[in-house]
Amino acid sequence: MSVDSTVFIHFSLLADAEPGLLGRVLAPFARRDLVVDRVTAERIGDAMRIEIEMAAMPSEMATYVEGNLRQIVGLRRLERDRPLRSRAA
C-alpha cells in the first residue's frame, strides 16, 4: 500500500530581473496544480530574489519542481531547504 507524504519546502532563487520572471518561476507549481503558501520577491540591482514556501508539497513533486526551476533562463542561484517535517497525506 502506497502512502503519499508531504514535505515543507522552501526555495530561494536569485535570477536576472526581467519581465515575466515571476510567471516563469510560478509556472512549475501551476502546471502541477500546486498552490504555494508564500511568495516574496525583491529586486536587488539587476537581480531579483524570490522566496517560495509550501507547507505541504507532495514529496514526489519536490524534485520535479526543483528541476524545472533550475532550467529558468537567467537563474543565478537556487537553494532548496531540506524538508523540516513530513506527514502522511
C-alpha atoms as a PDB file:
ATOM      1  CA  MET A   1       0.000   0.000   0.000  1.00  0.00           C
ATOM      2  CA  SER A   2       1.458   3.351  -1.043  1.00  0.00           C
ATOM      3  CA  VAL A   3       1.219   6.305   1.309  1.00  0.00           C
ATOM      4  CA  ASP A   4       1.608   9.764  -0.170  1.00  0.00           C
ATOM      5  CA  SER A   5       3.644  12.083   2.021  1.00  0.00           C
ATOM      6  CA  THR A   6       4.064  15.808   2.035  1.00  0.00           C
ATOM      7  CA  VAL A   7       7.022  17.950   2.990  1.00  0.00           C
ATOM      8  CA  PHE A   8       7.591  21.561   3.939  1.00  0.00           C
ATOM      9  CA  ILE A   9       9.555  23.105   1.088  1.00  0.00           C
ATOM     10  CA  HIS A  10      11.382  26.405   0.760  1.00  0.00           C
ATOM     11  CA  PHE A  11      13.035  27.522  -2.466  1.00  0.00           C
ATOM     12  CA  SER A  12      15.269  30.592  -2.595  1.00  0.00           C
ATOM     13  CA  LEU A  13      16.169  31.889  -6.054  1.00  0.00           C
ATOM     14  CA  LEU A  14      18.342  34.657  -7.403  1.00  0.00           C
ATOM     15  CA  ALA A  15      17.827  35.458 -11.076  1.00  0.00           C
ATOM     16  CA  ASP A  16      18.209  38.261 -13.587  1.00  0.00           C
ATOM     17  CA  ALA A  17      15.407  40.805 -13.093  1.00  0.00           C
ATOM     18  CA  GLU A  18      13.401  40.509 -16.309  1.00  0.00           C
ATOM     19  CA  PRO A  19       9.759  40.923 -17.312  1.00  0.00           C
ATOM     20  CA  GLY A  20       7.971  37.600 -16.963  1.00  0.00           C
ATOM     21  CA  LEU A  21      10.387  36.168 -14.383  1.00  0.00           C
ATOM     22  CA  LEU A  22       7.763  35.701 -11.666  1.00  0.00           C
ATOM     23  CA  GLY A  23       5.442  33.928 -14.077  1.00  0.00           C
ATOM     24  CA  ARG A  24       8.222  31.555 -15.149  1.00  0.00           C
ATOM     25  CA  VAL A  25       9.080  30.838 -11.514  1.00  0.00           C
ATOM     26  CA  LEU A  26       5.485  30.023 -10.557  1.00  0.00           C
ATOM     27  CA  ALA A  27       4.677  28.034 -13.719  1.00  0.00           C
ATOM     28  CA  PRO A  28       6.101  24.676 -12.468  1.00  0.00           C
ATOM     29  CA  PHE A  29       3.764  24.864  -9.486  1.00  0.00           C
ATOM     30  CA  ALA A  30       0.726  25.818 -11.569  1.00  0.00           C
ATOM     31  CA  ARG A  31       1.355  23.020 -14.102  1.00  0.00           C
ATOM     32  CA  ARG A  32       1.097  20.527 -11.238  1.00  0.00           C
ATOM     33  CA  ASP A  33      -1.984  22.149  -9.660  1.00  0.00           C
ATOM     34  CA  LEU A  34       0.063  23.245  -6.637  1.00  0.00           C
ATOM     35  CA  VAL A  35      -0.778  26.413  -4.726  1.00  0.00           C
ATOM     36  CA  VAL A  36       2.159  27.963  -2.904  1.00  0.00           C
ATOM     37  CA  ASP A  37       1.672  29.278   0.624  1.00  0.00           C
ATOM     38  CA  ARG A  38       4.070  32.207   0.450  1.00  0.00           C
ATOM     39  CA  VAL A  39       5.942  34.070  -2.272  1.00  0.00           C
ATOM     40  CA  THR A  40       8.164  37.078  -1.706  1.00  0.00           C
ATOM     41  CA  ALA A  41      10.156  38.904  -4.342  1.00  0.00           C
ATOM     42  CA  GLU A  42      12.644  41.722  -4.037  1.00  0.00           C
ATOM     43  CA  ARG A  43      14.663  43.476  -6.697  1.00  0.00           C
ATOM     44  CA  ILE A  44      18.350  43.846  -5.870  1.00  0.00           C
ATOM     45  CA  GLY A  45      20.038  45.905  -8.576  1.00  0.00           C
ATOM     46  CA  ASP A  46      19.847  43.882 -11.789  1.00  0.00           C
ATOM     47  CA  ALA A  47      18.696  40.729  -9.966  1.00  0.00           C
ATOM     48  CA  MET A  48      15.524  39.501  -8.299  1.00  0.00           C
ATOM     49  CA  ARG A  49      15.480  37.427  -5.119  1.00  0.00           C
ATOM     50  CA  ILE A  50      12.422  35.190  -4.833  1.00  0.00           C
ATOM     51  CA  GLU A  51      11.415  33.019  -1.872  1.00  0.00           C
ATOM     52  CA  ILE A  52       8.715  30.365  -2.234  1.00  0.00           C
ATOM     53  CA  GLU A  53       7.257  28.178   0.519  1.00  0.00           C
ATOM     54  CA  MET A  54       4.772  25.361   0.643  1.00  0.00           C
ATOM     55  CA  ALA A  55       3.787  23.804   3.953  1.00  0.00           C
ATOM     56  CA  ALA A  56       2.636  20.555   2.375  1.00  0.00           C
ATOM     57  CA  MET A  57       4.116  19.813  -1.043  1.00  0.00           C
ATOM     58  CA  PRO A  58       3.682  16.214  -2.215  1.00  0.00           C
ATOM     59  CA  SER A  59       7.176  14.815  -1.680  1.00  0.00           C
ATOM     60  CA  GLU A  60       7.386  13.222  -5.132  1.00  0.00           C
ATOM     61  CA  MET A  61       6.769  16.651  -6.749  1.00  0.00           C
ATOM     62  CA  ALA A  62       9.613  18.495  -4.995  1.00  0.00           C
ATOM     63  CA  THR A  63      12.374  17.097  -7.204  1.00  0.00           C
ATOM     64  CA  TYR A  64      10.433  17.765 -10.412  1.00  0.00           C
ATOM     65  CA  VAL A  65       9.647  21.362  -9.440  1.00  0.00           C
ATOM     66  CA  GLU A  66      13.276  21.945  -8.445  1.00  0.00           C
ATOM     67  CA  GLY A  67      14.442  20.622 -11.816  1.00  0.00           C
ATOM     68  CA  ASN A  68      12.078  22.975 -13.642  1.00  0.00           C
ATOM     69  CA  LEU A  69      13.268  25.938 -11.574  1.00  0.00           C
ATOM     70  CA  ARG A  70      16.899  25.116 -12.399  1.00  0.00           C
ATOM     71  CA  GLN A  71      16.084  25.495 -16.113  1.00  0.00           C
ATOM     72  CA  ILE A  72      14.884  29.094 -15.826  1.00  0.00           C
ATOM     73  CA  VAL A  73      16.813  31.385 -18.144  1.00  0.00           C
ATOM     74  CA  GLY A  74      18.810  33.931 -16.137  1.00  0.00           C
ATOM     75  CA  LEU A  75      18.889  31.844 -12.945  1.00  0.00           C
ATOM     76  CA  ARG A  76      21.962  32.705 -10.900  1.00  0.00           C
ATOM     77  CA  ARG A  77      21.352  30.596  -7.792  1.00  0.00           C
ATOM     78  CA  LEU A  78      18.740  28.184  -6.461  1.00  0.00           C
ATOM     79  CA  GLU A  79      18.724  26.794  -2.955  1.00  0.00           C
ATOM     80  CA  ARG A  80      16.253  24.290  -1.584  1.00  0.00           C
ATOM     81  CA  ASP A  81      15.983  23.891   2.146  1.00  0.00           C
ATOM     82  CA  ARG A  82      15.810  20.333   3.284  1.00  0.00           C
ATOM     83  CA  PRO A  83      12.336  19.256   4.407  1.00  0.00           C
ATOM     84  CA  LEU A  84      11.702  20.247   8.001  1.00  0.00           C
ATOM     85  CA  ARG A  85       8.844  17.830   8.517  1.00  0.00           C
ATOM     86  CA  SER A  86       6.837  15.249   6.688  1.00  0.00           C
ATOM     87  CA  ARG A  87       3.447  13.732   7.281  1.00  0.00           C
ATOM     88  CA  ALA A  88       1.093  11.246   5.728  1.00  0.00           C
ATOM     89  CA  ALA A  89      -1.474  12.811   3.417  1.00  0.00           C
END
